[in-house]
Protein backbone atom coordinates (compact mmCIF):
# COMPACT_ATOMS: atom_id res chain seq x y z
CA UNK A 1 -55.04 86.95 -96.15
CA UNK A 2 -54.15 83.44 -97.24
CA UNK A 3 -50.72 81.95 -97.81
CA UNK A 4 -50.50 78.38 -99.10
CA UNK A 5 -47.11 76.67 -99.34
CA UNK A 6 -46.36 73.68 -101.53
CA UNK A 7 -43.42 71.79 -102.97
CA UNK A 8 -42.02 70.12 -99.90
CA UNK A 9 -41.03 66.49 -99.77
CA UNK A 10 -38.24 64.07 -99.09
CA UNK A 11 -34.93 64.43 -100.88
CA UNK A 12 -31.44 62.99 -100.54
CA UNK A 13 -28.54 65.15 -99.37
CA UNK A 14 -27.26 67.22 -102.24
CA UNK A 15 -30.65 67.30 -103.89
CA UNK A 16 -32.93 70.19 -104.77
CA UNK A 17 -36.48 71.29 -104.11
CA UNK A 18 -38.50 74.32 -105.12
CA UNK A 19 -41.06 75.63 -102.67
CA UNK A 20 -43.95 77.84 -103.73
CA UNK A 21 -46.29 80.05 -101.75
CA UNK A 22 -49.54 81.17 -103.32
CA UNK A 23 -50.79 84.42 -101.80
CA UNK A 24 -54.29 85.84 -101.86
CA UNK A 25 -56.46 88.33 -100.04
CA UNK A 26 -54.03 91.23 -100.16
CA UNK A 27 -51.95 93.23 -102.62
CA UNK A 28 -49.02 90.82 -102.85
CA UNK A 29 -46.84 93.19 -104.86
CA UNK A 30 -46.87 95.74 -102.03
CA UNK A 31 -45.28 93.55 -99.35
CA UNK A 32 -41.95 92.16 -98.33
CA UNK A 33 -42.21 88.38 -98.06
CA UNK A 34 -40.16 85.90 -96.08
CA UNK A 35 -39.42 82.22 -95.74
CA UNK A 36 -39.06 80.91 -92.20
CA UNK A 37 -38.41 77.35 -91.03
CA UNK A 38 -38.73 75.27 -87.92
CA UNK A 39 -36.60 72.18 -87.53
CA UNK A 40 -37.85 69.33 -85.35
CA UNK A 41 -37.50 70.28 -81.69
CA UNK A 42 -36.09 73.73 -82.47
CA UNK A 43 -37.33 77.28 -82.67
CA UNK A 44 -38.21 79.35 -85.67
CA UNK A 45 -35.38 80.37 -87.97
CA UNK A 46 -35.64 83.11 -90.54
CA UNK A 47 -34.33 81.82 -93.88
CA UNK A 48 -34.71 84.59 -96.43
CA UNK A 49 -36.73 87.60 -97.44
CA UNK A 50 -37.38 89.66 -100.53
CA UNK A 51 -38.62 93.18 -101.04
CA UNK A 52 -41.89 93.99 -102.73
CA UNK A 53 -40.42 94.43 -106.19
CA UNK A 54 -38.10 91.45 -105.98
CA UNK A 55 -34.93 93.43 -106.50
CA UNK A 56 -33.49 92.98 -103.00
CA UNK A 57 -33.00 89.63 -101.34
CA UNK A 58 -31.50 88.57 -98.02
CA UNK A 59 -30.42 85.22 -96.67
CA UNK A 60 -29.46 83.58 -93.43
CA UNK A 61 -25.80 82.56 -93.38
CA UNK A 62 -26.87 78.93 -93.09
CA UNK A 63 -28.46 78.94 -96.56
CA UNK A 64 -26.52 81.64 -98.40
CA UNK A 65 -25.22 80.39 -101.73
CA UNK A 66 -27.57 77.38 -101.73
CA UNK A 67 -31.07 78.89 -101.58
CA UNK A 68 -32.63 81.50 -103.85
CA UNK A 69 -35.77 83.44 -103.04
CA UNK A 70 -37.83 84.96 -105.83
CA UNK A 71 -41.33 86.14 -106.55
CA UNK A 72 -43.73 86.54 -109.43
CA UNK A 73 -46.01 89.45 -108.61
CA UNK A 74 -48.16 88.77 -111.67
CA UNK A 75 -48.93 85.32 -110.24
CA UNK A 76 -49.00 86.37 -106.56
CA UNK A 77 -46.48 83.66 -105.83
CA UNK A 78 -43.33 83.46 -103.73
CA UNK A 79 -40.65 80.84 -104.39
CA UNK A 80 -37.69 79.30 -102.64
CA UNK A 81 -35.26 77.32 -104.77
CA UNK A 82 -33.22 75.07 -102.49
CA UNK A 83 -30.09 73.42 -103.86
CA UNK A 84 -27.34 71.35 -102.25
CA UNK A 85 -29.71 70.37 -99.48
CA UNK A 86 -28.28 69.11 -96.21
CA UNK A 87 -29.85 67.03 -93.45
CA UNK A 88 -29.86 70.13 -91.25
CA UNK A 89 -32.24 71.78 -93.73
CA UNK A 90 -34.94 69.34 -92.60
CA UNK A 91 -37.78 71.49 -91.27
CA UNK A 92 -41.28 72.78 -91.73
CA UNK A 93 -41.00 75.72 -94.09
CA UNK A 94 -43.42 78.63 -93.86
CA UNK A 95 -43.93 81.66 -96.01
CA UNK A 96 -44.81 84.80 -94.14
CA UNK A 97 -45.91 88.29 -95.03
CA UNK A 98 -43.39 90.89 -93.98
CA UNK A 99 -39.62 91.14 -93.56
CA UNK A 100 -37.50 89.32 -91.01
CA UNK A 101 -39.13 89.22 -87.56
CA UNK A 102 -41.94 91.54 -88.64
CA UNK A 103 -44.31 88.89 -89.99
CA UNK A 104 -48.03 89.34 -89.56
CA UNK A 105 -49.46 86.37 -91.50
CA UNK A 106 -48.17 82.86 -92.01
CA UNK A 107 -49.03 79.88 -94.13
CA UNK A 108 -49.61 76.37 -92.83
CA UNK A 109 -46.14 75.19 -93.83
CA UNK A 110 -44.68 72.56 -96.13
CA UNK A 111 -42.38 69.85 -94.80
CA UNK A 112 -38.91 69.28 -96.18
CA UNK A 113 -36.98 66.17 -95.19
CA UNK A 114 -33.38 65.69 -96.29
CA UNK A 115 -32.24 62.16 -95.64
CA UNK A 116 -30.41 59.33 -97.30
């Protein structure tokens, strides 16, 4: 199993970023997938997850209405569109296989910094 995140960077408050996670080594279309983040000096925070077919999505209250999770099973790729970014969204963002708090594999993370 391999999960490789990309798309992080530095952005001003109010800006947008789109994260991607390329999956390989397993049948991507059969699994729930999640995005999880870790802010500097803080613990892990579940951000969002999506069912195997992409028809059901769930969000933490802290990102609801600003972030959108999606997936392309033909490309074995998970996405996180992040809009209206806030400084408190600054974190290392991981994609993980499995639904909230049932992850079994993680990527290496991509860093997002929101700062003026």
